[in-house]
Protein backbone atom coordinates (compact mmCIF):
# COMPACT_ATOMS: atom_id res chain seq x y z
CA MET A 1 35.02 -41.38 -34.85
CA ARG A 2 38.10 -43.00 -36.27
CA ASP A 3 38.17 -45.50 -39.12
CA ALA A 4 40.39 -47.91 -37.16
CA TYR A 5 40.89 -48.83 -33.52
CA ALA A 6 43.59 -51.04 -32.02
CA LEU A 7 44.29 -52.23 -28.48
CA HIS A 8 46.85 -54.48 -26.84
CA GLY A 9 49.55 -53.89 -29.43
CA GLY A 10 47.14 -54.50 -32.29
CA ALA A 11 45.97 -57.89 -30.99
CA ALA A 12 42.42 -56.48 -30.92
CA SER A 13 41.18 -54.21 -33.67
CA ALA A 14 38.08 -52.73 -35.23
CA SER A 15 37.66 -51.22 -38.69
CA LEU A 16 34.94 -48.84 -39.80
CA VAL A 17 33.79 -47.11 -42.98
CA LEU A 18 32.78 -43.57 -42.11
CA ASP A 19 30.22 -41.49 -44.00
CA PRO A 20 32.03 -38.29 -45.00
CA ILE A 21 28.78 -36.31 -45.04
CA GLY A 22 27.50 -37.72 -41.76
CA ASN A 23 23.93 -38.55 -42.77
CA ARG A 24 24.34 -42.34 -43.12
CA PRO A 25 25.31 -45.03 -40.62
CA THR A 26 28.96 -45.78 -40.00
CA ILE A 27 29.69 -49.34 -41.09
CA LEU A 28 31.56 -51.54 -38.65
CA THR A 29 33.41 -53.79 -41.09
CA GLU A 30 35.40 -55.90 -38.66
CA VAL A 31 36.11 -56.64 -35.02
CA ALA A 32 39.08 -58.96 -34.79
CA VAL A 33 41.20 -60.49 -32.06
CA TRP A 34 44.28 -62.55 -32.76
CA ARG A 35 43.42 -66.21 -32.41
CA GLU A 36 45.83 -66.79 -29.51
CA ASP A 37 44.29 -63.85 -27.60
CA GLN A 38 40.62 -64.75 -28.03
CA GLY A 39 38.70 -65.30 -24.81
CA LYS A 40 40.43 -62.47 -22.92
CA GLY A 41 37.58 -59.99 -23.38
CA TRP A 42 39.55 -57.80 -25.78
CA GLY A 43 36.91 -57.96 -28.52
CA SER A 44 34.32 -56.73 -26.02
CA GLU A 45 36.70 -54.05 -24.83
CA ILE A 46 37.23 -52.63 -28.31
CA LEU A 47 33.53 -52.88 -29.21
CA ARG A 48 32.62 -50.95 -26.02
CA LEU A 49 35.12 -48.26 -27.07
CA VAL A 50 33.64 -47.97 -30.57
CA CYS A 51 30.08 -47.86 -29.18
CA ALA A 52 30.99 -45.23 -26.57
CA GLU A 53 32.49 -42.95 -29.23
CA ALA A 54 29.47 -43.51 -31.48
CA ASP A 55 27.18 -42.53 -28.60
CA THR A 56 29.22 -39.41 -27.81
CA GLU A 57 29.13 -38.32 -31.45
CA GLY A 58 25.52 -39.37 -32.14
CA VAL A 59 26.57 -41.90 -34.78
CA THR A 60 24.48 -44.88 -35.89
CA LEU A 61 26.50 -48.06 -36.40
CA MET A 62 25.67 -50.80 -38.89
CA LEU A 63 27.26 -54.19 -39.51
CA SER A 64 26.77 -57.44 -41.33
CA VAL A 65 27.10 -60.54 -39.13
CA ASP A 66 29.85 -62.60 -40.74
CA PRO A 67 31.70 -65.13 -38.58
CA GLY A 68 35.33 -65.61 -39.43
CA PRO A 69 36.99 -69.00 -39.72
CA TYR A 70 38.23 -69.01 -36.09
CA GLY A 71 35.65 -66.88 -34.31
CA LEU A 72 32.19 -67.26 -32.88
CA SER A 73 29.36 -69.06 -34.67
CA TYR A 74 26.77 -66.98 -36.50
CA GLU A 75 24.25 -67.31 -33.65
CA ALA A 76 26.82 -66.55 -30.95
CA LEU A 77 28.07 -63.53 -32.91
CA ARG A 78 24.53 -62.11 -33.29
CA SER A 79 24.00 -62.61 -29.56
CA TRP A 80 27.34 -60.93 -28.76
CA TYR A 81 26.54 -57.86 -30.87
CA SER A 82 23.05 -57.63 -29.35
CA ARG A 83 24.62 -57.28 -25.88
CA TYR A 84 26.05 -53.97 -27.09
CA GLY A 85 22.76 -52.62 -28.44
CA PHE A 86 22.79 -53.90 -32.02
CA VAL A 87 19.41 -55.08 -33.28
CA GLY A 88 18.36 -56.82 -36.45
CA ASP A 89 15.81 -59.04 -38.09
CA SER A 90 16.55 -62.75 -37.73
CA THR A 91 16.09 -63.18 -41.49
CA ASP A 92 18.84 -60.69 -42.34
CA ASP A 93 22.56 -60.50 -41.51
CA VAL A 94 22.43 -56.72 -41.00
CA MET A 95 22.35 -55.30 -37.47
CA ILE A 96 22.03 -51.63 -36.51
CA ARG A 97 22.85 -49.74 -33.33
CA LEU A 98 21.36 -46.31 -32.74
CA PRO A 99 23.23 -43.83 -30.55
CA GLN A 100 22.33 -44.40 -26.91
CA ALA A 101 21.99 -41.75 -24.25
CA LYS A 102 24.25 -42.08 -21.24
CA VAL A 103 22.40 -42.92 -18.06
């Protein structure tokens, strides 16, 4: 896995903190899309890419749900991440995604 991903000339990006030893989850610190490009599906596109690489490499992903000033609401963001396999307790901001086998 890489520590940064960018698509569409950098208009969509994702940042990660990797575990150098490989025995802890990789932390997804940010998925961002330029404000003028939101709604084009680019956030979903980059998150699918990150999840696919995590699956290929057997990497667990972890994140903290934190809506930005111009993005989705907290509830919408949790719902969005859950569509890509992230799960979490409703009393906590942390969500985790285990590697998924390809069908």
